[in-house]
């Protein structure tokens, strides 16, 4: 007996299926990563700072804040780890990204130290593109630039506006650190009033505006603020001039008090060691100059916040905000380069659009930015590797909204989080059959939704011979060339005052064994040979 189905019924069924497709697609959340550059742990309001950051604070108030989230301590290795879900050495960027001025200088000839993302890694954009996402990037790349096969559009992004190098003038990105749109060429001519944080945000919004369908999107918003050079718009920095004449000692104490009130640090930790003179010992001229440097730095953070507000406003006006996961964090701790108390380069170079290298706010203010933690960017003390981390997603984070999450997590956890949200799989092969190194990250989706999730048994770090390993509450730190480790109890002493290595040699031995096992299996060792660019 034959069964007949009317053409009217089939037409209706097909129409229903067509209408169902975009609805199902939009059940996957849009995803936005907003990453600050060289911003300290306490610089934003919701982590203790006095700089007005109402838009970022809004994300925190209605999202989840992590008190123990870790990056890998420096710009380019963090970016490599973020994009691939691997340790930076596995992705090929264990030291630095390729340099625009000195080609080849950061390729040490071994897997872990090539200066660009290798083809045994897959990027967030490549994975999400395969899962049906549009993929956009605006801002700083810094994981390969010599050869277009290393550029964003060749690593899974549909659109790109930003800088390929590690940094540039915020006011006038001049050669060889210009701005690239999609596949180039670099641009060096900009309209009056140009400021890169504004331009990065405006272009990111335009990418979303130009989208012609209802597919979900992934946006990687990689700011260069507040990385040196100290450059800000006059209307932004003028409101801060004079506010830091109270000095870095007072600022540290005020931030520490606010952090205690917010409830995510412990009074018993105290403030980490001082890295500068007491403010009272500075001359009046020194005070005025470093007040101005900090005012410009604060303006860079402030500008990044109101640009975040522009993005949030657009998403809200277009009905996209509710089902958009937004993550905010920093690529490393505050930057003390070039390790001078009062800042790098002459005072006259601050806000000069044609000065770039290490025009900075100094070791004194970097110490305050990292309140309450020890040391700075590059190093593996908490001041180098701890970052604010905010997850905001109205449709997905409800029960946990406004709460703190205390379980330690690492930047490699972002890849499996996005894989889960996109309903896809992390590939075993990619790039025409190349084997992809498995990620060891842990999805944070349970943490976002339920406040509970898996925890890493060990966390590992190495950058520029700065080594660290964490196991539960224990953290060991040392220089690679040193024989002895320092040992800290993160529950009682996260500001790393009290070295307990002598009291717990068994724990030190265990962590030493585990760190070297990791280093020898994750391309941390061998190091290869650093190229001298002047030979």
Protein backbone atom coordinates (compact mmCIF):
# COMPACT_ATOMS: atom_id res chain seq x y z
CA UNK A 1 0.00 0.00 0.00
CA UNK A 2 1.38 3.38 -1.01
CA UNK A 3 1.37 6.33 1.35
CA UNK A 4 0.83 9.80 -0.12
CA UNK A 5 1.89 13.06 1.54
CA UNK A 6 0.30 16.23 0.26
CA UNK A 7 2.50 18.85 -1.35
CA UNK A 8 0.90 21.44 0.93
CA UNK A 9 2.09 19.53 3.99
CA UNK A 10 5.61 19.19 2.55
CA UNK A 11 5.75 22.89 1.74
CA UNK A 12 4.66 23.74 5.26
CA UNK A 13 7.22 21.38 6.73
CA UNK A 14 10.02 22.89 4.64
CA UNK A 15 8.98 26.41 5.61
CA UNK A 16 8.96 25.43 9.29
CA UNK A 17 12.44 23.98 8.92
CA UNK A 18 13.76 27.14 7.25
CA UNK A 19 12.27 29.32 9.97
CA UNK A 20 13.69 27.00 12.63
CA UNK A 21 17.30 27.21 11.41
CA UNK A 22 18.20 30.77 12.50
CA UNK A 23 16.44 30.27 15.81
CA UNK A 24 18.51 27.17 16.47
CA UNK A 25 21.67 28.96 15.34
CA UNK A 26 21.04 31.78 17.77
CA UNK A 27 20.70 29.37 20.67
CA UNK A 28 24.48 29.28 20.54
CA UNK A 29 25.68 32.42 22.31
CA UNK A 30 27.59 35.18 20.62
CA UNK A 31 31.05 35.32 22.20
CA UNK A 32 33.18 38.39 22.87
CA UNK A 33 36.66 38.39 24.37
CA UNK A 34 37.80 41.79 25.66
CA UNK A 35 41.44 41.75 26.66
CA UNK A 36 43.33 44.66 28.23
CA UNK A 37 47.07 44.98 27.67
CA UNK A 38 49.42 45.31 30.67
CA UNK A 39 46.60 46.23 33.06
CA UNK A 40 47.19 45.56 36.74
CA UNK A 41 45.07 43.36 39.00
CA UNK A 42 43.48 46.26 40.90
CA UNK A 43 43.11 48.94 38.20
CA UNK A 44 39.39 48.52 37.52
CA UNK A 45 36.74 49.49 40.05
CA UNK A 46 35.26 46.03 40.58
CA UNK A 47 38.71 44.74 41.64
CA UNK A 48 39.50 47.61 43.99
CA UNK A 49 40.60 50.49 41.79
CA UNK A 50 39.63 54.16 41.92
CA UNK A 51 39.69 54.67 38.12
CA UNK A 52 36.05 55.05 36.99
CA UNK A 53 35.16 51.89 35.04
CA UNK A 54 31.34 51.78 35.25
CA UNK A 55 30.82 49.65 32.14
CA UNK A 56 33.29 46.95 33.13
CA UNK A 57 31.89 47.11 36.67
CA UNK A 58 28.40 46.50 35.20
CA UNK A 59 29.70 43.30 33.60
CA UNK A 60 31.02 42.24 37.01
CA UNK A 61 27.85 43.12 38.93
CA UNK A 62 25.70 41.01 36.61
CA UNK A 63 28.27 38.36 35.85
CA UNK A 64 30.80 36.18 37.65
CA UNK A 65 34.16 37.45 38.92
CA UNK A 66 37.06 35.03 39.30
CA UNK A 67 39.50 35.76 42.11
CA UNK A 68 42.14 33.27 40.95
CA UNK A 69 42.35 33.43 37.18
CA UNK A 70 45.79 33.20 35.55
CA UNK A 71 47.40 34.29 32.31
CA UNK A 72 50.98 33.37 31.37
CA UNK A 73 52.68 36.62 32.30
CA UNK A 74 53.36 38.45 29.04
CA UNK A 75 51.59 39.82 25.98
CA UNK A 76 52.45 37.42 23.16
CA UNK A 77 52.68 34.11 25.06
CA UNK A 78 49.31 34.87 26.67
CA UNK A 79 47.82 35.59 23.24
CA UNK A 80 49.22 32.34 21.87
CA UNK A 81 47.80 30.41 24.81
CA UNK A 82 44.43 32.18 24.64
CA UNK A 83 43.99 31.61 20.93
CA UNK A 84 45.02 27.95 20.90
CA UNK A 85 44.13 26.51 24.32
CA UNK A 86 47.73 25.30 24.57
CA UNK A 87 50.71 26.26 26.65
CA UNK A 88 52.48 29.03 24.68
CA UNK A 89 55.52 26.86 24.00
CA UNK A 90 53.32 24.18 22.44
CA UNK A 91 51.90 26.83 20.08
CA UNK A 92 55.39 28.13 19.20
CA UNK A 93 55.47 31.39 21.18
CA UNK A 94 57.32 30.50 24.37
CA UNK A 95 59.26 33.74 24.37
CA UNK A 96 58.19 36.61 22.11
CA UNK A 97 56.25 37.16 18.89
CA UNK A 98 57.94 38.19 15.68
CA UNK A 99 59.39 41.69 15.79
CA UNK A 100 58.63 44.27 13.07
CA UNK A 101 62.05 45.93 13.30
CA UNK A 102 64.27 42.83 13.52
CA UNK A 103 62.95 39.94 11.44
CA UNK A 104 64.00 36.51 12.74
CA UNK A 105 65.16 37.74 16.14
CA UNK A 106 62.60 35.71 18.12
CA UNK A 107 62.94 32.44 16.21
CA UNK A 108 65.26 30.28 18.31
CA UNK A 109 65.08 27.29 15.98
CA UNK A 110 63.08 24.88 18.16
CA UNK A 111 59.36 24.08 18.41
CA UNK A 112 58.66 26.13 21.53
CA UNK A 113 60.40 29.32 20.39
CA UNK A 114 59.51 30.27 16.82
CA UNK A 115 57.76 33.59 17.42
CA UNK A 116 54.54 32.69 15.58
CA UNK A 117 51.63 30.25 15.89
CA UNK A 118 52.55 26.90 14.42
CA UNK A 119 50.32 24.55 12.42
CA UNK A 120 50.10 21.99 15.19
CA UNK A 121 47.74 24.40 16.92
CA UNK A 122 44.24 25.51 16.00
CA UNK A 123 42.82 28.91 16.92
CA UNK A 124 39.55 29.81 18.61
CA UNK A 125 38.51 31.45 15.34
CA UNK A 126 39.23 28.31 13.31
CA UNK A 127 37.28 26.11 15.72
CA UNK A 128 34.32 28.49 15.98
CA UNK A 129 34.23 29.12 12.23
CA UNK A 130 33.87 25.38 11.69
CA UNK A 131 30.99 25.47 14.22
CA UNK A 132 29.08 28.06 12.18
CA UNK A 133 30.28 31.30 13.77
CA UNK A 134 31.27 34.53 12.10
CA UNK A 135 34.73 35.46 13.39
CA UNK A 136 35.98 39.02 13.87
CA UNK A 137 39.08 40.52 15.44
CA UNK A 138 40.03 44.07 16.31
CA UNK A 139 43.21 45.18 18.09
CA UNK A 140 46.58 43.58 18.74
CA UNK A 141 47.67 40.29 17.11
CA UNK A 142 51.33 39.78 18.16
CA UNK A 143 51.62 36.06 17.33
CA UNK A 144 53.25 36.21 13.89
CA UNK A 145 53.56 38.87 11.20
CA UNK A 146 56.27 38.05 8.63
CA UNK A 147 54.28 36.25 5.92
CA UNK A 148 50.52 36.53 5.47
CA UNK A 149 50.05 32.85 6.30
CA UNK A 150 50.59 33.95 9.93
CA UNK A 151 48.00 36.76 9.88
CA UNK A 152 44.53 36.70 11.44
CA UNK A 153 42.58 36.04 8.22
CA UNK A 154 44.77 33.03 7.56
CA UNK A 155 44.09 31.74 11.09
CA UNK A 156 40.30 31.68 11.01
CA UNK A 157 39.16 35.32 11.26
CA UNK A 158 36.85 36.74 8.60
CA UNK A 159 37.63 40.37 9.39
CA UNK A 160 40.56 42.10 11.10
CA UNK A 161 41.42 45.68 12.00
CA UNK A 162 44.43 46.34 14.18
CA UNK A 163 48.18 46.01 14.60
CA UNK A 164 50.15 42.88 13.80
CA UNK A 165 53.08 43.85 16.03
CA UNK A 166 53.31 43.99 19.81
CA UNK A 167 52.50 47.64 20.21
CA UNK A 168 52.34 51.02 18.51
CA UNK A 169 51.67 54.68 19.12
CA UNK A 170 48.10 55.06 20.33
CA UNK A 171 47.78 58.45 18.64
CA UNK A 172 49.70 57.94 15.39
CA UNK A 173 50.80 54.35 14.66
CA UNK A 174 53.94 55.07 12.64
CA UNK A 175 56.23 52.73 10.62
CA UNK A 176 56.87 49.88 10.99
CA UNK A 177 53.98 49.53 13.49
CA UNK A 178 50.98 50.60 11.47
CA UNK A 179 47.35 49.53 11.34
CA UNK A 180 46.22 46.74 9.04
CA UNK A 181 42.71 46.14 7.74
CA UNK A 182 42.08 42.51 6.83
CA UNK A 183 45.11 41.50 4.74
CA UNK A 184 46.76 44.90 4.55
CA UNK A 185 48.71 46.90 3.55
CA UNK A 186 49.63 48.77 6.72
CA UNK A 187 48.26 52.29 7.10
CA UNK A 188 50.13 55.20 8.66
CA UNK A 189 47.87 58.15 7.92
CA UNK A 190 45.04 58.87 10.35
CA UNK A 191 42.45 61.60 10.82
CA UNK A 192 42.78 64.29 13.47
CA UNK A 193 41.67 63.00 16.84
CA UNK A 194 42.55 59.38 16.05
CA UNK A 195 42.95 57.16 19.10
CA UNK A 196 43.48 53.46 18.66
CA UNK A 197 41.11 52.24 21.40
CA UNK A 198 38.31 54.24 19.78
CA UNK A 199 39.20 52.93 16.32
CA UNK A 200 39.46 49.30 17.44
CA UNK A 201 36.02 49.49 19.05
CA UNK A 202 34.34 51.34 16.18
CA UNK A 203 35.63 48.81 13.67
CA UNK A 204 34.55 45.89 15.85
CA UNK A 205 31.02 47.29 16.04
CA UNK A 206 31.00 47.80 12.27
CA UNK A 207 31.95 44.16 11.70
CA UNK A 208 28.86 43.09 13.64
CA UNK A 209 26.67 45.70 11.90
CA UNK A 210 27.72 44.46 8.48
CA UNK A 211 26.75 40.85 9.23
CA UNK A 212 23.99 39.80 6.85
CA UNK A 213 22.57 36.75 8.63
CA UNK A 214 21.54 35.47 12.05
CA UNK A 215 24.54 33.21 12.64
CA UNK A 216 26.29 33.73 15.99
CA UNK A 217 29.50 35.72 16.01
CA UNK A 218 32.83 35.58 17.83
CA UNK A 219 34.63 38.88 18.43
CA UNK A 220 38.18 39.04 19.78
CA UNK A 221 38.60 42.62 21.09
CA UNK A 222 42.33 42.84 21.87
CA UNK A 223 43.09 46.33 23.18
CA UNK A 224 46.57 47.82 23.35
CA UNK A 225 45.52 49.96 26.33
CA UNK A 226 46.96 50.62 28.84
CA UNK A 227 50.29 49.28 27.48
CA UNK A 228 52.94 51.98 27.05
CA UNK A 229 53.48 54.45 25.41
CA UNK A 230 51.66 56.74 27.83
CA UNK A 231 49.28 58.48 25.43
CA UNK A 232 45.71 59.55 26.07
CA UNK A 233 43.19 62.05 24.77
CA UNK A 234 43.38 65.40 26.55
CA UNK A 235 39.73 65.34 27.60
CA UNK A 236 40.38 61.97 29.24
CA UNK A 237 43.60 62.66 31.14
CA UNK A 238 42.75 66.19 32.33
CA UNK A 239 40.19 64.86 34.82
CA UNK A 240 42.87 62.75 36.54
CA UNK A 241 45.72 65.26 36.81
CA UNK A 242 46.39 66.02 40.47
CA UNK A 243 44.37 63.09 41.78
CA UNK A 244 47.49 61.00 42.27
CA UNK A 245 49.39 63.59 44.26
CA UNK A 246 48.23 61.63 47.31
CA UNK A 247 50.92 59.15 46.27
CA UNK A 248 51.29 55.48 45.61
CA UNK A 249 51.37 54.50 49.28
CA UNK A 250 47.90 55.94 49.86
CA UNK A 251 46.59 54.47 46.59
CA UNK A 252 47.82 51.00 47.56
CA UNK A 253 46.21 51.22 50.98
CA UNK A 254 42.91 52.51 49.57
CA UNK A 255 42.79 49.75 46.97
CA UNK A 256 43.63 47.10 49.55
CA UNK A 257 40.86 48.35 51.83
CA UNK A 258 38.34 48.27 48.99
CA UNK A 259 39.43 44.75 48.00
CA UNK A 260 38.84 43.59 51.56
CA UNK A 261 35.38 45.15 51.49
CA UNK A 262 34.63 43.37 48.20
CA UNK A 263 35.59 40.15 49.95
CA UNK A 264 37.94 38.46 47.48
CA UNK A 265 41.25 38.85 49.32
CA UNK A 266 42.30 38.14 52.91
CA UNK A 267 43.55 40.67 55.44
CA UNK A 268 46.19 38.20 56.66
CA UNK A 269 47.92 38.37 53.28
CA UNK A 270 48.81 42.03 53.73
CA UNK A 271 50.33 44.07 50.93
CA UNK A 272 53.21 42.62 48.94
CA UNK A 273 56.71 44.00 49.30
CA UNK A 274 57.38 47.65 48.47
CA UNK A 275 59.11 48.21 45.12
CA UNK A 276 59.77 51.95 45.46
CA UNK A 277 60.60 54.74 47.90
CA UNK A 278 57.95 56.02 50.26
CA UNK A 279 56.02 58.81 48.53
CA UNK A 280 57.20 61.32 51.16
CA UNK A 281 60.79 60.93 49.96
CA UNK A 282 60.06 62.18 46.43
CA UNK A 283 60.79 65.79 45.50
CA UNK A 284 57.90 68.04 44.53
CA UNK A 285 58.90 67.89 40.86
CA UNK A 286 59.09 64.09 40.97
CA UNK A 287 55.64 63.93 42.54
CA UNK A 288 54.12 66.20 39.90
CA UNK A 289 55.67 64.28 37.02
CA UNK A 290 54.67 60.83 38.22
CA UNK A 291 51.20 62.14 39.11
CA UNK A 292 50.85 63.15 35.47
CA UNK A 293 52.15 59.81 34.21
CA UNK A 294 49.60 57.98 36.35
CA UNK A 295 46.88 60.37 35.20
CA UNK A 296 47.59 59.43 31.57
CA UNK A 297 47.63 55.73 32.47
CA UNK A 298 44.30 56.09 34.29
CA UNK A 299 42.88 57.87 31.24
CA UNK A 300 43.86 54.92 29.04
CA UNK A 301 41.93 52.55 31.31
CA UNK A 302 39.01 55.00 31.50
CA UNK A 303 38.89 55.26 27.70
CA UNK A 304 38.90 51.47 27.34
CA UNK A 305 35.94 51.34 29.72
CA UNK A 306 33.78 53.87 27.88
CA UNK A 307 34.57 52.14 24.60
CA UNK A 308 33.38 48.92 26.24
CA UNK A 309 30.21 50.87 27.01
CA UNK A 310 29.79 51.76 23.33
CA UNK A 311 29.96 48.09 22.42
CA UNK A 312 27.48 47.12 25.15
CA UNK A 313 25.07 49.87 24.07
CA UNK A 314 25.13 48.64 20.48
CA UNK A 315 24.48 45.05 21.55
CA UNK A 316 21.60 46.13 23.77
CA UNK A 317 20.01 48.34 21.10
CA UNK A 318 20.09 45.49 18.58
CA UNK A 319 18.78 42.84 20.96
CA UNK A 320 22.03 40.87 20.94
CA UNK A 321 23.22 41.48 24.49
CA UNK A 322 21.12 38.89 26.33
CA UNK A 323 22.62 35.91 24.49
CA UNK A 324 26.20 37.17 24.32
CA UNK A 325 28.95 35.81 26.55
CA UNK A 326 31.47 38.55 27.29
CA UNK A 327 34.79 37.78 28.97
CA UNK A 328 37.03 40.58 30.25
CA UNK A 329 40.61 40.07 31.48
CA UNK A 330 44.22 41.27 31.09
CA UNK A 331 47.09 39.59 29.25
CA UNK A 332 49.50 39.95 32.19
CA UNK A 333 50.05 41.94 35.35
CA UNK A 334 51.08 45.58 35.51
CA UNK A 335 54.21 46.51 33.60
CA UNK A 336 57.24 48.01 35.38
CA UNK A 337 59.34 48.29 32.20
CA UNK A 338 62.05 49.58 32.02
CA UNK A 339 62.16 48.98 35.79
CA UNK A 340 62.72 52.56 36.81
CA UNK A 341 60.85 53.88 39.82
CA UNK A 342 59.59 57.06 38.16
CA UNK A 343 58.90 55.73 34.68
CA UNK A 344 60.63 55.15 31.38
CA UNK A 345 61.92 57.83 28.99
CA UNK A 346 61.99 61.61 29.56
CA UNK A 347 58.83 63.27 30.86
CA UNK A 348 58.54 65.30 27.65
CA UNK A 349 57.86 62.11 25.68
CA UNK A 350 54.56 61.45 27.47
CA UNK A 351 51.72 62.06 24.98
CA UNK A 352 54.16 62.57 22.10
CA UNK A 353 52.49 60.67 19.21
CA UNK A 354 55.87 59.85 17.65
CA UNK A 355 57.46 58.32 20.72
CA UNK A 356 56.80 54.70 21.54
CA UNK A 357 59.43 52.60 23.25
CA UNK A 358 58.98 52.27 27.06
CA UNK A 359 57.35 55.65 27.66
CA UNK A 360 55.86 54.28 30.86
CA UNK A 361 54.52 55.06 34.31
CA UNK A 362 57.22 53.37 36.34
CA UNK A 363 57.84 50.67 38.87
CA UNK A 364 56.18 52.64 41.67
CA UNK A 365 52.78 52.87 40.01
CA UNK A 366 53.04 49.33 38.62
CA UNK A 367 53.41 48.14 42.21
CA UNK A 368 50.19 50.00 43.05
CA UNK A 369 48.40 48.65 39.97
CA UNK A 370 49.10 45.09 41.11
CA UNK A 371 47.72 45.62 44.63
CA UNK A 372 47.97 43.46 46.70
CA UNK A 373 50.36 41.20 44.77
CA UNK A 374 54.11 40.84 44.36
CA UNK A 375 56.20 41.93 41.37
CA UNK A 376 55.21 42.50 37.74
CA UNK A 377 54.64 41.43 34.15
CA UNK A 378 57.11 38.79 32.82
CA UNK A 379 57.67 37.24 36.27
CA UNK A 380 55.70 34.32 37.69
CA UNK A 381 54.88 35.83 41.06
CA UNK A 382 51.18 36.69 41.39
CA UNK A 383 51.78 40.26 40.19
CA UNK A 384 52.89 38.88 36.83
CA UNK A 385 50.31 36.17 36.19
CA UNK A 386 47.11 37.02 38.13
CA UNK A 387 44.39 38.88 36.25
CA UNK A 388 40.88 40.15 36.87
CA UNK A 389 38.49 37.86 35.01
CA UNK A 390 34.82 38.64 34.43
CA UNK A 391 32.27 36.42 32.69
CA UNK A 392 28.99 38.14 31.72
CA UNK A 393 26.13 36.36 29.94
CA UNK A 394 22.56 37.34 30.90
CA UNK A 395 20.93 34.32 29.26
CA UNK A 396 23.43 31.83 30.64
CA UNK A 397 24.66 33.23 33.97
CA UNK A 398 21.71 33.75 36.26
CA UNK A 399 22.16 31.91 39.53
CA UNK A 400 25.81 33.03 39.71
CA UNK A 401 25.26 36.66 38.70
CA UNK A 402 27.15 39.02 41.00
CA UNK A 403 29.09 36.25 42.72
CA UNK A 404 32.80 35.54 43.12
CA UNK A 405 34.32 32.25 41.96
CA UNK A 406 37.46 31.20 43.83
CA UNK A 407 38.63 28.03 42.05
CA UNK A 408 41.91 28.64 40.16
CA UNK A 409 41.62 28.65 36.38
CA UNK A 410 44.07 29.23 33.56
CA UNK A 411 43.82 30.90 30.18
CA UNK A 412 44.02 27.51 28.44
CA UNK A 413 40.52 26.91 29.84
CA UNK A 414 38.94 29.38 27.42
CA UNK A 415 39.28 27.07 24.39
CA UNK A 416 37.32 24.11 25.89
CA UNK A 417 34.77 26.55 27.27
CA UNK A 418 34.04 27.90 23.79
CA UNK A 419 34.09 24.41 22.27
CA UNK A 420 31.35 23.38 24.69
CA UNK A 421 29.26 26.51 24.13
CA UNK A 422 29.51 26.14 20.36
CA UNK A 423 28.42 22.50 20.51
CA UNK A 424 31.48 21.39 18.59
CA UNK A 425 34.64 19.34 19.10
CA UNK A 426 38.28 20.26 19.44
CA UNK A 427 39.90 18.77 16.33
CA UNK A 428 42.56 16.07 16.27
CA UNK A 429 43.76 17.25 12.85
CA UNK A 430 43.50 20.52 10.94
CA UNK A 431 45.39 22.52 8.30
CA UNK A 432 45.27 19.81 5.64
CA UNK A 433 45.73 16.93 8.04
CA UNK A 434 48.30 18.34 10.47
CA UNK A 435 48.09 16.73 13.90
CA UNK A 436 46.81 19.19 16.49
CA UNK A 437 48.27 19.10 20.00
CA UNK A 438 45.45 18.30 22.47
CA UNK A 439 44.38 21.05 24.84
CA UNK A 440 44.62 20.33 28.56
CA UNK A 441 42.17 23.07 29.46
CA UNK A 442 38.99 22.59 31.48
CA UNK A 443 35.63 24.04 30.42
CA UNK A 444 34.40 26.82 32.70
CA UNK A 445 30.76 26.50 31.64
CA UNK A 446 29.82 24.70 34.91
CA UNK A 447 31.49 27.49 36.87
CA UNK A 448 29.51 30.11 34.94
CA UNK A 449 26.17 28.35 35.41
CA UNK A 450 26.43 26.49 38.73
CA UNK A 451 29.41 27.91 40.59
CA UNK A 452 31.07 24.49 40.54
CA UNK A 453 33.48 22.90 38.14
CA UNK A 454 36.54 20.75 37.70
CA UNK A 455 39.89 21.92 38.95
CA UNK A 456 43.39 21.47 37.53
CA UNK A 457 45.62 19.24 39.61
CA UNK A 458 48.63 21.31 38.57
CA UNK A 459 49.09 24.68 36.90
CA UNK A 460 52.42 25.48 35.21
CA UNK A 461 54.30 28.55 33.99
CA UNK A 462 57.56 29.48 32.32
CA UNK A 463 58.51 32.69 30.64
CA UNK A 464 61.95 34.17 30.13
CA UNK A 465 63.34 31.65 32.66
CA UNK A 466 60.72 32.58 35.27
CA UNK A 467 59.22 29.27 36.44
CA UNK A 468 56.24 28.41 38.62
CA UNK A 469 53.96 25.50 39.45
CA UNK A 470 50.81 25.41 41.54
CA UNK A 471 49.34 22.32 43.22
CA UNK A 472 46.26 23.02 45.32
CA UNK A 473 47.24 25.72 47.79
CA UNK A 474 50.97 25.30 47.15
CA UNK A 475 52.90 27.39 44.66
CA UNK A 476 56.60 27.06 43.88
CA UNK A 477 58.56 29.80 42.09
CA UNK A 478 62.13 30.04 40.84
CA UNK A 479 64.44 31.15 38.05
CA UNK A 480 65.31 28.34 35.63
CA UNK A 481 69.02 28.69 36.33
CA UNK A 482 68.49 28.45 40.10
CA UNK A 483 68.62 25.15 41.94
CA UNK A 484 66.27 26.08 44.77
CA UNK A 485 62.55 26.82 44.62
CA UNK A 486 60.60 29.23 46.82
CA UNK A 487 57.37 27.78 48.22
CA UNK A 488 54.22 29.71 49.18
CA UNK A 489 50.89 28.80 50.75
CA UNK A 490 48.33 30.54 48.52
CA UNK A 491 45.55 30.20 51.09
CA UNK A 492 47.42 32.07 53.81
CA UNK A 493 49.97 34.08 51.85
CA UNK A 494 48.98 34.89 48.26
CA UNK A 495 51.16 38.01 48.42
CA UNK A 496 54.17 35.68 48.67
CA UNK A 497 55.87 37.01 51.79
CA UNK A 498 56.82 33.77 53.53
CA UNK A 499 58.98 31.23 51.73
CA UNK A 500 58.17 27.83 53.27
CA UNK A 501 60.53 25.72 51.16
CA UNK A 502 62.75 24.93 54.12
CA UNK A 503 59.79 23.63 56.13
CA UNK A 504 58.35 21.42 53.37
CA UNK A 505 61.20 19.83 51.38
CA UNK A 506 58.96 16.91 50.39
CA UNK A 507 56.48 19.23 48.69
CA UNK A 508 59.29 21.14 46.97
CA UNK A 509 60.76 17.89 45.64
CA UNK A 510 57.36 16.79 44.33
CA UNK A 511 56.74 20.11 42.57
CA UNK A 512 60.26 20.18 41.14
CA UNK A 513 59.71 16.74 39.62
CA UNK A 514 56.32 17.68 38.21
CA UNK A 515 57.55 20.97 36.74
CA UNK A 516 60.46 19.38 34.90
CA UNK A 517 58.22 16.56 33.67
CA UNK A 518 55.94 19.24 32.20
CA UNK A 519 58.78 21.35 30.81
CA UNK A 520 60.32 18.40 28.98
CA UNK A 521 56.99 17.28 27.48
CA UNK A 522 55.51 20.67 26.52
CA UNK A 523 58.39 22.17 24.48
CA UNK A 524 59.53 24.47 27.29
CA UNK A 525 62.85 22.64 27.05
CA UNK A 526 65.02 22.69 25.03
CA UNK A 527 65.19 26.45 24.74
CA UNK A 528 67.08 26.67 21.46
CA UNK A 529 69.44 29.50 20.65
CA UNK A 530 68.50 33.15 20.88
CA UNK A 531 69.50 35.11 17.78
CA UNK A 532 71.58 38.23 18.32
CA UNK A 533 69.97 40.82 16.00
CA UNK A 534 73.13 42.92 15.87
CA UNK A 535 75.44 40.25 14.45
